[in-house]
């Protein structure tokens, strides 16, 4: 079914499909390889049209079907087709030397990918910034939503502490929570402070700065040699800082990504209100879910402690003193 649609809609003589993931297939033709991805909706088309209008590089190019559309209906979903980029491979080395260089190679590769990612983000944001007018109702809702989120997060952690107090067996993950609870409360209180600062700065203003945002940090999608990001599924228009928030709050590579943040900050001049807003949102400590699997609990708490350790360094790099 999928192979026939690709042949019909893209006029390709498809030899076969190789499944890479549940939604991604490598497409083999007589002369080239392509990649087809299945998506639930085609809202990405708006962001991709912005990429084309602005003639932005560093992103995978989608291929038009024979009806001049980027998205092709497939059952109750859509597909889009793009060139297939060959995965990066390391130079072949002697077997006896492999163990010695494997870790070094992986660390260098990881650093190069994160650096490239920051540089592409800076390029994307700088070339798509625009000012948008907003009414007072927008800023009120923004304030109310953030205030409610901070309060809910405080309530969640207070509930976790109460549960731990009544447990007969005090687990290692529970003690990790207890020993770091004062830090969690500190940053949540700090989030209130930055929110009030942001509200004060935005008084009398009726414009915000927006840009295209990528929203999908994944090292497997970063091709250093091509300086290209191959997944564009999560692109949208938003505050540029949400790309940084995505890196710091949703991924495990916090310590690897922090030292390289300068490659973004030296290219993008964040507005004062953007610096205050990102500090507010980052101070809203991510939620943890503790359950009966202690190994998972310890991992979750270790990740949270790593995040708390990184916040101060992030704020220093943003050049705003922590209050």
C-alpha atoms as a PDB file:
ATOM      1  CA  UNK A   1       0.000   0.000   0.000  1.00  0.00           C
ATOM      2  CA  UNK A   2       2.675   2.530   1.051  1.00  0.00           C
ATOM      3  CA  UNK A   3       5.013   1.491  -1.762  1.00  0.00           C
ATOM      4  CA  UNK A   4       2.238   1.910  -4.337  1.00  0.00           C
ATOM      5  CA  UNK A   5       1.368   5.412  -3.082  1.00  0.00           C
ATOM      6  CA  UNK A   6       5.025   6.480  -3.317  1.00  0.00           C
ATOM      7  CA  UNK A   7       5.247   5.105  -6.870  1.00  0.00           C
ATOM      8  CA  UNK A   8       2.006   6.782  -7.917  1.00  0.00           C
ATOM      9  CA  UNK A   9       2.314  10.152  -6.167  1.00  0.00           C
ATOM     10  CA  UNK A  10       6.054  10.721  -6.624  1.00  0.00           C
ATOM     11  CA  UNK A  11       6.584   8.984  -9.993  1.00  0.00           C
ATOM     12  CA  UNK A  12       9.333   6.797  -8.567  1.00  0.00           C
ATOM     13  CA  UNK A  13      10.183   3.255  -9.568  1.00  0.00           C
ATOM     14  CA  UNK A  14      10.338   1.829  -6.040  1.00  0.00           C
ATOM     15  CA  UNK A  15      12.248  -1.431  -5.650  1.00  0.00           C
ATOM     16  CA  UNK A  16      11.481  -1.880  -1.954  1.00  0.00           C
ATOM     17  CA  UNK A  17      11.029  -0.382   1.510  1.00  0.00           C
ATOM     18  CA  UNK A  18      13.181  -0.942   4.598  1.00  0.00           C
ATOM     19  CA  UNK A  19      11.556  -0.054   7.934  1.00  0.00           C
ATOM     20  CA  UNK A  20      13.833   2.089  10.121  1.00  0.00           C
ATOM     21  CA  UNK A  21      11.311   2.867  12.859  1.00  0.00           C
ATOM     22  CA  UNK A  22       7.525   2.466  13.271  1.00  0.00           C
ATOM     23  CA  UNK A  23       6.913   5.614  11.197  1.00  0.00           C
ATOM     24  CA  UNK A  24      10.023   5.867   9.018  1.00  0.00           C
ATOM     25  CA  UNK A  25      10.997   3.824   5.951  1.00  0.00           C
ATOM     26  CA  UNK A  26      14.046   3.858   3.720  1.00  0.00           C
ATOM     27  CA  UNK A  27      12.902   3.841   0.086  1.00  0.00           C
ATOM     28  CA  UNK A  28      15.100   2.095  -2.473  1.00  0.00           C
ATOM     29  CA  UNK A  29      14.802   2.992  -6.157  1.00  0.00           C
ATOM     30  CA  UNK A  30      16.974   2.076  -9.125  1.00  0.00           C
ATOM     31  CA  UNK A  31      19.177   5.171  -8.761  1.00  0.00           C
ATOM     32  CA  UNK A  32      18.629   6.716  -5.315  1.00  0.00           C
ATOM     33  CA  UNK A  33      17.594   6.173  -1.732  1.00  0.00           C
ATOM     34  CA  UNK A  34      14.847   8.254  -0.126  1.00  0.00           C
ATOM     35  CA  UNK A  35      13.232   8.407   3.283  1.00  0.00           C
ATOM     36  CA  UNK A  36       9.466   8.488   3.845  1.00  0.00           C
ATOM     37  CA  UNK A  37       7.864   9.435   7.140  1.00  0.00           C
ATOM     38  CA  UNK A  38       4.294   8.905   8.338  1.00  0.00           C
ATOM     39  CA  UNK A  39       2.711  11.725  10.358  1.00  0.00           C
ATOM     40  CA  UNK A  40      -0.729  12.151  11.893  1.00  0.00           C
ATOM     41  CA  UNK A  41      -1.430  15.612  10.498  1.00  0.00           C
ATOM     42  CA  UNK A  42       0.069  18.135   8.130  1.00  0.00           C
ATOM     43  CA  UNK A  43       0.270  21.209  10.386  1.00  0.00           C
ATOM     44  CA  UNK A  44       4.030  21.051   9.855  1.00  0.00           C
ATOM     45  CA  UNK A  45       3.365  22.342   6.337  1.00  0.00           C
ATOM     46  CA  UNK A  46       2.969  25.917   7.634  1.00  0.00           C
ATOM     47  CA  UNK A  47       6.385  25.887   9.337  1.00  0.00           C
ATOM     48  CA  UNK A  48       8.002  24.256   6.316  1.00  0.00           C
ATOM     49  CA  UNK A  49       6.574  26.913   4.033  1.00  0.00           C
ATOM     50  CA  UNK A  50       8.189  29.517   6.293  1.00  0.00           C
ATOM     51  CA  UNK A  51      11.522  27.713   5.874  1.00  0.00           C
ATOM     52  CA  UNK A  52      11.169  27.845   2.098  1.00  0.00           C
ATOM     53  CA  UNK A  53       9.994  31.453   2.034  1.00  0.00           C
ATOM     54  CA  UNK A  54      12.993  32.544   4.107  1.00  0.00           C
ATOM     55  CA  UNK A  55      15.354  30.323   2.058  1.00  0.00           C
ATOM     56  CA  UNK A  56      16.784  28.789   5.221  1.00  0.00           C
ATOM     57  CA  UNK A  57      19.485  26.141   4.963  1.00  0.00           C
ATOM     58  CA  UNK A  58      20.549  23.366   7.371  1.00  0.00           C
ATOM     59  CA  UNK A  59      17.237  21.533   7.225  1.00  0.00           C
ATOM     60  CA  UNK A  60      16.253  18.499   5.217  1.00  0.00           C
ATOM     61  CA  UNK A  61      14.389  19.336   2.009  1.00  0.00           C
ATOM     62  CA  UNK A  62      11.009  17.743   1.401  1.00  0.00           C
ATOM     63  CA  UNK A  63      10.127  16.490  -2.065  1.00  0.00           C
ATOM     64  CA  UNK A  64       6.958  17.676  -3.796  1.00  0.00           C
ATOM     65  CA  UNK A  65       4.527  15.037  -5.010  1.00  0.00           C
ATOM     66  CA  UNK A  66       3.145  15.166  -8.539  1.00  0.00           C
ATOM     67  CA  UNK A  67       0.291  17.378  -7.304  1.00  0.00           C
ATOM     68  CA  UNK A  68       2.840  19.923  -5.998  1.00  0.00           C
ATOM     69  CA  UNK A  69       2.154  19.190  -2.334  1.00  0.00           C
ATOM     70  CA  UNK A  70       4.657  18.249   0.347  1.00  0.00           C
ATOM     71  CA  UNK A  71       2.202  16.045   2.250  1.00  0.00           C
ATOM     72  CA  UNK A  72       0.424  13.101   0.682  1.00  0.00           C
ATOM     73  CA  UNK A  73      -2.671  11.445   2.231  1.00  0.00           C
ATOM     74  CA  UNK A  74      -2.012   7.898   3.427  1.00  0.00           C
ATOM     75  CA  UNK A  75      -4.940   6.004   4.954  1.00  0.00           C
ATOM     76  CA  UNK A  76      -6.076   8.405   7.727  1.00  0.00           C
ATOM     77  CA  UNK A  77      -2.608   9.965   8.013  1.00  0.00           C
ATOM     78  CA  UNK A  78      -0.050  11.699   5.801  1.00  0.00           C
ATOM     79  CA  UNK A  79       3.391  10.944   4.446  1.00  0.00           C
ATOM     80  CA  UNK A  80       6.231  13.144   3.281  1.00  0.00           C
ATOM     81  CA  UNK A  81       9.286  12.178   1.251  1.00  0.00           C
ATOM     82  CA  UNK A  82      12.847  13.449   1.638  1.00  0.00           C
ATOM     83  CA  UNK A  83      16.361  12.524   0.506  1.00  0.00           C
ATOM     84  CA  UNK A  84      18.070   9.807   2.512  1.00  0.00           C
ATOM     85  CA  UNK A  85      21.273  10.971   4.208  1.00  0.00           C
ATOM     86  CA  UNK A  86      23.823   8.265   4.904  1.00  0.00           C
ATOM     87  CA  UNK A  87      24.560   7.825   8.632  1.00  0.00           C
ATOM     88  CA  UNK A  88      27.947   9.115   9.699  1.00  0.00           C
ATOM     89  CA  UNK A  89      30.482   6.367  10.305  1.00  0.00           C
ATOM     90  CA  UNK A  90      33.837   6.479  11.965  1.00  0.00           C
ATOM     91  CA  UNK A  91      37.097   5.680  10.244  1.00  0.00           C
ATOM     92  CA  UNK A  92      38.010   1.977  10.280  1.00  0.00           C
ATOM     93  CA  UNK A  93      40.749   1.261  12.810  1.00  0.00           C
ATOM     94  CA  UNK A  94      42.668  -1.771  13.969  1.00  0.00           C
ATOM     95  CA  UNK A  95      40.699  -4.077  16.237  1.00  0.00           C
ATOM     96  CA  UNK A  96      43.213  -3.886  19.068  1.00  0.00           C
ATOM     97  CA  UNK A  97      42.995  -0.091  19.080  1.00  0.00           C
ATOM     98  CA  UNK A  98      39.214   0.090  18.934  1.00  0.00           C
ATOM     99  CA  UNK A  99      38.525  -0.142  22.660  1.00  0.00           C
ATOM    100  CA  UNK A 100      41.027   2.625  23.378  1.00  0.00           C
ATOM    101  CA  UNK A 101      39.513   5.171  21.054  1.00  0.00           C
ATOM    102  CA  UNK A 102      35.814   4.220  21.214  1.00  0.00           C
ATOM    103  CA  UNK A 103      34.973   6.359  24.240  1.00  0.00           C
ATOM    104  CA  UNK A 104      37.036   9.307  22.980  1.00  0.00           C
ATOM    105  CA  UNK A 105      35.393   9.098  19.568  1.00  0.00           C
ATOM    106  CA  UNK A 106      31.900   9.021  21.060  1.00  0.00           C
ATOM    107  CA  UNK A 107      32.601  12.026  23.285  1.00  0.00           C
ATOM    108  CA  UNK A 108      34.021  14.055  20.400  1.00  0.00           C
ATOM    109  CA  UNK A 109      31.114  13.092  18.152  1.00  0.00           C
ATOM    110  CA  UNK A 110      28.591  14.050  20.834  1.00  0.00           C
ATOM    111  CA  UNK A 111      30.273  17.425  21.397  1.00  0.00           C
ATOM    112  CA  UNK A 112      30.399  18.163  17.667  1.00  0.00           C
ATOM    113  CA  UNK A 113      26.709  17.338  17.292  1.00  0.00           C
ATOM    114  CA  UNK A 114      25.622  19.550  20.201  1.00  0.00           C
ATOM    115  CA  UNK A 115      27.805  22.423  18.955  1.00  0.00           C
ATOM    116  CA  UNK A 116      26.332  22.063  15.460  1.00  0.00           C
ATOM    117  CA  UNK A 117      22.820  21.976  16.921  1.00  0.00           C
ATOM    118  CA  UNK A 118      23.328  25.256  18.813  1.00  0.00           C
ATOM    119  CA  UNK A 119      24.776  26.892  15.703  1.00  0.00           C
ATOM    120  CA  UNK A 120      21.845  25.783  13.541  1.00  0.00           C
ATOM    121  CA  UNK A 121      19.366  26.971  16.195  1.00  0.00           C
ATOM    122  CA  UNK A 122      21.052  30.384  16.221  1.00  0.00           C
ATOM    123  CA  UNK A 123      20.861  30.508  12.424  1.00  0.00           C
ATOM    124  CA  UNK A 124      17.192  29.483  12.420  1.00  0.00           C
ATOM    125  CA  UNK A 125      16.185  32.040  15.040  1.00  0.00           C
ATOM    126  CA  UNK A 126      18.221  34.948  13.675  1.00  0.00           C
ATOM    127  CA  UNK A 127      16.812  34.455  10.197  1.00  0.00           C
ATOM    128  CA  UNK A 128      13.171  34.101  11.230  1.00  0.00           C
ATOM    129  CA  UNK A 129      12.656  36.657  14.030  1.00  0.00           C
ATOM    130  CA  UNK A 130       9.626  38.908  13.765  1.00  0.00           C
ATOM    131  CA  UNK A 131       7.613  41.057  16.159  1.00  0.00           C
ATOM    132  CA  UNK A 132       3.977  40.210  16.843  1.00  0.00           C
ATOM    133  CA  UNK A 133       1.393  42.460  18.436  1.00  0.00           C
ATOM    134  CA  UNK A 134      -0.516  41.001  21.392  1.00  0.00           C
ATOM    135  CA  UNK A 135      -3.388  42.330  23.473  1.00  0.00           C
ATOM    136  CA  UNK A 136      -3.398  42.576  27.284  1.00  0.00           C
ATOM    137  CA  UNK A 137      -5.452  39.386  27.460  1.00  0.00           C
ATOM    138  CA  UNK A 138      -2.522  37.412  26.026  1.00  0.00           C
ATOM    139  CA  UNK A 139      -0.111  38.597  28.715  1.00  0.00           C
ATOM    140  CA  UNK A 140      -2.674  37.989  31.463  1.00  0.00           C
ATOM    141  CA  UNK A 141      -3.232  34.418  30.312  1.00  0.00           C
ATOM    142  CA  UNK A 142       0.525  33.867  30.032  1.00  0.00           C
ATOM    143  CA  UNK A 143       0.990  35.097  33.608  1.00  0.00           C
ATOM    144  CA  UNK A 144      -1.937  33.081  34.972  1.00  0.00           C
ATOM    145  CA  UNK A 145      -0.801  29.868  33.242  1.00  0.00           C
ATOM    146  CA  UNK A 146       2.747  30.148  34.575  1.00  0.00           C
ATOM    147  CA  UNK A 147       1.564  31.075  38.076  1.00  0.00           C
ATOM    148  CA  UNK A 148      -0.756  28.053  38.141  1.00  0.00           C
ATOM    149  CA  UNK A 149       2.020  25.766  36.897  1.00  0.00           C
ATOM    150  CA  UNK A 150       4.396  26.930  39.638  1.00  0.00           C
ATOM    151  CA  UNK A 151       1.730  26.428  42.311  1.00  0.00           C
ATOM    152  CA  UNK A 152       0.830  22.987  40.985  1.00  0.00           C
ATOM    153  CA  UNK A 153       4.485  21.936  40.963  1.00  0.00           C
ATOM    154  CA  UNK A 154       4.882  23.096  44.588  1.00  0.00           C
ATOM    155  CA  UNK A 155       1.801  21.108  45.545  1.00  0.00           C
ATOM    156  CA  UNK A 156       3.150  18.017  43.775  1.00  0.00           C
ATOM    157  CA  UNK A 157       6.449  18.099  45.653  1.00  0.00           C
ATOM    158  CA  UNK A 158       4.734  18.789  48.971  1.00  0.00           C
ATOM    159  CA  UNK A 159       2.600  15.699  48.375  1.00  0.00           C
ATOM    160  CA  UNK A 160       5.701  13.627  47.603  1.00  0.00           C
ATOM    161  CA  UNK A 161       7.264  14.748  50.879  1.00  0.00           C
ATOM    162  CA  UNK A 162       4.119  13.845  52.840  1.00  0.00           C
ATOM    163  CA  UNK A 163       4.054  10.381  51.258  1.00  0.00           C
ATOM    164  CA  UNK A 164       7.689   9.801  52.194  1.00  0.00           C
ATOM    165  CA  UNK A 165       7.104  10.838  55.809  1.00  0.00           C
ATOM    166  CA  UNK A 166       4.442   8.137  56.274  1.00  0.00           C
ATOM    167  CA  UNK A 167       6.399   5.311  54.647  1.00  0.00           C
ATOM    168  CA  UNK A 168       7.831   2.726  57.003  1.00  0.00           C
ATOM    169  CA  UNK A 169      10.644   1.908  54.596  1.00  0.00           C
ATOM    170  CA  UNK A 170      12.639   5.010  53.702  1.00  0.00           C
ATOM    171  CA  UNK A 171      13.958   4.310  50.213  1.00  0.00           C
ATOM    172  CA  UNK A 172      17.233   5.743  48.830  1.00  0.00           C
ATOM    173  CA  UNK A 173      15.288   7.757  46.228  1.00  0.00           C
ATOM    174  CA  UNK A 174      13.116   9.160  49.015  1.00  0.00           C
ATOM    175  CA  UNK A 175      16.171  10.310  50.926  1.00  0.00           C
ATOM    176  CA  UNK A 176      17.496  11.912  47.732  1.00  0.00           C
ATOM    177  CA  UNK A 177      14.239  13.863  47.588  1.00  0.00           C
ATOM    178  CA  UNK A 178      14.437  14.891  51.256  1.00  0.00           C
ATOM    179  CA  UNK A 179      18.042  16.075  50.988  1.00  0.00           C
ATOM    180  CA  UNK A 180      17.275  18.196  47.917  1.00  0.00           C
ATOM    181  CA  UNK A 181      13.801  19.406  48.843  1.00  0.00           C
ATOM    182  CA  UNK A 182      15.092  22.767  50.085  1.00  0.00           C
ATOM    183  CA  UNK A 183      16.680  23.345  46.654  1.00  0.00           C
ATOM    184  CA  UNK A 184      13.446  22.479  44.865  1.00  0.00           C
ATOM    185  CA  UNK A 185      11.487  24.936  47.025  1.00  0.00           C
ATOM    186  CA  UNK A 186      14.163  27.582  46.464  1.00  0.00           C
ATOM    187  CA  UNK A 187      13.874  27.401  42.682  1.00  0.00           C
ATOM    188  CA  UNK A 188      10.087  27.280  42.704  1.00  0.00           C
ATOM    189  CA  UNK A 189      10.038  30.438  44.862  1.00  0.00           C
ATOM    190  CA  UNK A 190      12.535  31.918  42.456  1.00  0.00           C
ATOM    191  CA  UNK A 191      10.152  31.117  39.589  1.00  0.00           C
ATOM    192  CA  UNK A 192       7.524  33.327  41.292  1.00  0.00           C
ATOM    193  CA  UNK A 193      10.112  36.099  41.556  1.00  0.00           C
ATOM    194  CA  UNK A 194      11.101  35.928  37.883  1.00  0.00           C
ATOM    195  CA  UNK A 195       7.440  35.799  36.871  1.00  0.00           C
ATOM    196  CA  UNK A 196       6.748  39.030  38.742  1.00  0.00           C
ATOM    197  CA  UNK A 197       9.845  40.566  37.137  1.00  0.00           C
ATOM    198  CA  UNK A 198       8.626  39.527  33.702  1.00  0.00           C
ATOM    199  CA  UNK A 199       5.175  40.973  34.387  1.00  0.00           C
ATOM    200  CA  UNK A 200       6.772  44.272  35.422  1.00  0.00           C
ATOM    201  CA  UNK A 201       8.997  44.436  32.320  1.00  0.00           C
ATOM    202  CA  UNK A 202       6.075  43.745  29.973  1.00  0.00           C
ATOM    203  CA  UNK A 203       3.869  46.511  31.420  1.00  0.00           C
ATOM    204  CA  UNK A 204       3.079  48.934  28.649  1.00  0.00           C
ATOM    205  CA  UNK A 205       4.444  46.629  25.954  1.00  0.00           C
ATOM    206  CA  UNK A 206       2.231  45.082  23.334  1.00  0.00           C
ATOM    207  CA  UNK A 207       4.732  43.172  21.183  1.00  0.00           C
ATOM    208  CA  UNK A 208       6.636  39.916  21.585  1.00  0.00           C
ATOM    209  CA  UNK A 209       9.483  38.527  19.494  1.00  0.00           C
ATOM    210  CA  UNK A 210       8.780  35.202  17.814  1.00  0.00           C
ATOM    211  CA  UNK A 211      10.684  32.934  15.457  1.00  0.00           C
ATOM    212  CA  UNK A 212      10.635  29.483  13.966  1.00  0.00           C
ATOM    213  CA  UNK A 213      11.597  26.941  16.626  1.00  0.00           C
ATOM    214  CA  UNK A 214      12.847  23.388  16.095  1.00  0.00           C
ATOM    215  CA  UNK A 215      11.618  21.740  19.352  1.00  0.00           C
ATOM    216  CA  UNK A 216      13.154  18.334  18.718  1.00  0.00           C
ATOM    217  CA  UNK A 217      16.664  17.946  20.120  1.00  0.00           C
ATOM    218  CA  UNK A 218      17.907  14.475  19.199  1.00  0.00           C
ATOM    219  CA  UNK A 219      21.556  13.692  18.489  1.00  0.00           C
ATOM    220  CA  UNK A 220      20.542  11.062  15.941  1.00  0.00           C
ATOM    221  CA  UNK A 221      18.927  13.794  13.828  1.00  0.00           C
ATOM    222  CA  UNK A 222      22.054  15.969  13.644  1.00  0.00           C
ATOM    223  CA  UNK A 223      24.308  15.363  10.624  1.00  0.00           C
ATOM    224  CA  UNK A 224      27.506  17.295  11.306  1.00  0.00           C
ATOM    225  CA  UNK A 225      29.202  16.767   7.934  1.00  0.00           C
ATOM    226  CA  UNK A 226      26.105  18.018   6.087  1.00  0.00           C
ATOM    227  CA  UNK A 227      25.301  20.645   8.765  1.00  0.00           C
ATOM    228  CA  UNK A 228      21.718  19.432   8.527  1.00  0.00           C
ATOM    229  CA  UNK A 229      18.870  18.503  10.866  1.00  0.00           C
ATOM    230  CA  UNK A 230      16.829  15.685   9.356  1.00  0.00           C
ATOM    231  CA  UNK A 231      13.642  15.841  11.446  1.00  0.00           C
ATOM    232  CA  UNK A 232      11.367  18.867  11.211  1.00  0.00           C
ATOM    233  CA  UNK A 233       8.187  17.350  12.667  1.00  0.00           C
ATOM    234  CA  UNK A 234       8.012  19.572  15.759  1.00  0.00           C
ATOM    235  CA  UNK A 235       8.788  22.914  14.140  1.00  0.00           C
ATOM    236  CA  UNK A 236       6.489  25.778  15.057  1.00  0.00           C
ATOM    237  CA  UNK A 237       6.422  29.526  15.656  1.00  0.00           C
ATOM    238  CA  UNK A 238       7.193  30.425  19.272  1.00  0.00           C
ATOM    239  CA  UNK A 239       9.554  32.317  21.564  1.00  0.00           C
ATOM    240  CA  UNK A 240      13.111  31.322  20.582  1.00  0.00           C
ATOM    241  CA  UNK A 241      13.917  30.442  24.202  1.00  0.00           C
ATOM    242  CA  UNK A 242      11.654  27.378  24.031  1.00  0.00           C
ATOM    243  CA  UNK A 243      14.305  25.606  21.959  1.00  0.00           C
ATOM    244  CA  UNK A 244      16.738  26.074  24.854  1.00  0.00           C
ATOM    245  CA  UNK A 245      14.105  25.018  27.394  1.00  0.00           C
ATOM    246  CA  UNK A 246      13.534  21.852  25.348  1.00  0.00           C
ATOM    247  CA  UNK A 247      17.236  20.948  25.629  1.00  0.00           C
ATOM    248  CA  UNK A 248      17.566  21.607  29.339  1.00  0.00           C
ATOM    249  CA  UNK A 249      14.264  20.213  30.634  1.00  0.00           C
ATOM    250  CA  UNK A 250      13.540  17.259  28.401  1.00  0.00           C
ATOM    251  CA  UNK A 251      16.862  15.536  27.789  1.00  0.00           C
ATOM    252  CA  UNK A 252      19.647  13.797  29.675  1.00  0.00           C
ATOM    253  CA  UNK A 253      22.545  15.649  28.026  1.00  0.00           C
ATOM    254  CA  UNK A 254      22.406  18.695  30.317  1.00  0.00           C
ATOM    255  CA  UNK A 255      26.040  18.632  31.384  1.00  0.00           C
ATOM    256  CA  UNK A 256      27.253  17.953  27.827  1.00  0.00           C
ATOM    257  CA  UNK A 257      25.137  20.756  26.364  1.00  0.00           C
ATOM    258  CA  UNK A 258      25.808  23.464  28.976  1.00  0.00           C
ATOM    259  CA  UNK A 259      29.446  24.274  28.102  1.00  0.00           C
ATOM    260  CA  UNK A 260      28.506  24.626  24.434  1.00  0.00           C
ATOM    261  CA  UNK A 261      25.603  27.042  25.040  1.00  0.00           C
ATOM    262  CA  UNK A 262      27.980  29.899  24.240  1.00  0.00           C
ATOM    263  CA  UNK A 263      27.846  28.913  20.560  1.00  0.00           C
ATOM    264  CA  UNK A 264      24.204  29.971  20.616  1.00  0.00           C
ATOM    265  CA  UNK A 265      24.458  32.996  22.912  1.00  0.00           C
ATOM    266  CA  UNK A 266      27.290  34.628  20.981  1.00  0.00           C
ATOM    267  CA  UNK A 267      25.098  34.609  17.857  1.00  0.00           C
ATOM    268  CA  UNK A 268      21.657  35.397  19.297  1.00  0.00           C
ATOM    269  CA  UNK A 269      21.134  38.494  21.436  1.00  0.00           C
ATOM    270  CA  UNK A 270      18.320  37.576  23.800  1.00  0.00           C
ATOM    271  CA  UNK A 271      16.045  40.399  24.892  1.00  0.00           C
ATOM    272  CA  UNK A 272      15.895  41.197  28.598  1.00  0.00           C
ATOM    273  CA  UNK A 273      12.334  39.936  28.878  1.00  0.00           C
ATOM    274  CA  UNK A 274      13.339  36.684  27.141  1.00  0.00           C
ATOM    275  CA  UNK A 275      16.148  36.134  29.657  1.00  0.00           C
ATOM    276  CA  UNK A 276      13.765  36.727  32.551  1.00  0.00           C
ATOM    277  CA  UNK A 277      11.108  34.449  31.043  1.00  0.00           C
ATOM    278  CA  UNK A 278      13.501  31.559  30.402  1.00  0.00           C
ATOM    279  CA  UNK A 279      14.784  31.794  33.978  1.00  0.00           C
ATOM    280  CA  UNK A 280      11.214  31.714  35.254  1.00  0.00           C
ATOM    281  CA  UNK A 281      10.329  28.626  33.212  1.00  0.00           C
ATOM    282  CA  UNK A 282      13.569  26.787  33.972  1.00  0.00           C
ATOM    283  CA  UNK A 283      13.075  27.483  37.688  1.00  0.00           C
ATOM    284  CA  UNK A 284       9.841  25.491  37.510  1.00  0.00           C
ATOM    285  CA  UNK A 285      11.580  22.275  38.479  1.00  0.00           C
ATOM    286  CA  UNK A 286      10.515  19.279  36.338  1.00  0.00           C
ATOM    287  CA  UNK A 287       8.136  16.844  37.976  1.00  0.00           C
ATOM    288  CA  UNK A 288       9.276  13.398  39.106  1.00  0.00           C
ATOM    289  CA  UNK A 289       7.102  10.334  39.508  1.00  0.00           C
ATOM    290  CA  UNK A 290       8.272   7.922  42.222  1.00  0.00           C
ATOM    291  CA  UNK A 291       6.848   4.394  42.104  1.00  0.00           C
ATOM    292  CA  UNK A 292       7.633   0.870  43.297  1.00  0.00           C
ATOM    293  CA  UNK A 293      10.614   0.471  40.944  1.00  0.00           C
ATOM    294  CA  UNK A 294      13.434   1.866  43.058  1.00  0.00           C
ATOM    295  CA  UNK A 295      15.994   1.662  40.261  1.00  0.00           C
ATOM    296  CA  UNK A 296      13.804   3.909  38.121  1.00  0.00           C
ATOM    297  CA  UNK A 297      13.195   6.232  41.085  1.00  0.00           C
ATOM    298  CA  UNK A 298      16.925   6.653  41.695  1.00  0.00           C
ATOM    299  CA  UNK A 299      17.472   7.435  38.027  1.00  0.00           C
ATOM    300  CA  UNK A 300      14.677  10.039  38.089  1.00  0.00           C
ATOM    301  CA  UNK A 301      16.068  11.691  41.212  1.00  0.00           C
ATOM    302  CA  UNK A 302      19.631  11.639  39.845  1.00  0.00           C
ATOM    303  CA  UNK A 303      18.393  13.359  36.709  1.00  0.00           C
ATOM    304  CA  UNK A 304      16.563  15.951  38.807  1.00  0.00           C
ATOM    305  CA  UNK A 305      19.665  16.658  40.935  1.00  0.00           C
ATOM    306  CA  UNK A 306      21.690  17.079  37.754  1.00  0.00           C
ATOM    307  CA  UNK A 307      19.107  19.601  36.563  1.00  0.00           C
ATOM    308  CA  UNK A 308      19.251  21.540  39.842  1.00  0.00           C
ATOM    309  CA  UNK A 309      23.044  21.612  39.653  1.00  0.00           C
ATOM    310  CA  UNK A 310      22.894  22.962  36.112  1.00  0.00           C
ATOM    311  CA  UNK A 311      20.425  25.798  36.711  1.00  0.00           C
ATOM    312  CA  UNK A 312      22.906  28.153  38.331  1.00  0.00           C
ATOM    313  CA  UNK A 313      25.376  27.631  35.494  1.00  0.00           C
ATOM    314  CA  UNK A 314      22.665  28.337  32.931  1.00  0.00           C
ATOM    315  CA  UNK A 315      21.710  31.561  34.697  1.00  0.00           C
ATOM    316  CA  UNK A 316      25.347  32.666  34.813  1.00  0.00           C
ATOM    317  CA  UNK A 317      25.662  32.136  31.096  1.00  0.00           C
ATOM    318  CA  UNK A 318      22.531  34.223  30.560  1.00  0.00           C
ATOM    319  CA  UNK A 319      24.374  36.997  32.472  1.00  0.00           C
ATOM    320  CA  UNK A 320      21.594  37.661  34.924  1.00  0.00           C
ATOM    321  CA  UNK A 321      22.508  37.258  38.572  1.00  0.00           C
ATOM    322  CA  UNK A 322      20.515  34.692  40.510  1.00  0.00           C
ATOM    323  CA  UNK A 323      18.354  36.340  43.145  1.00  0.00           C
END
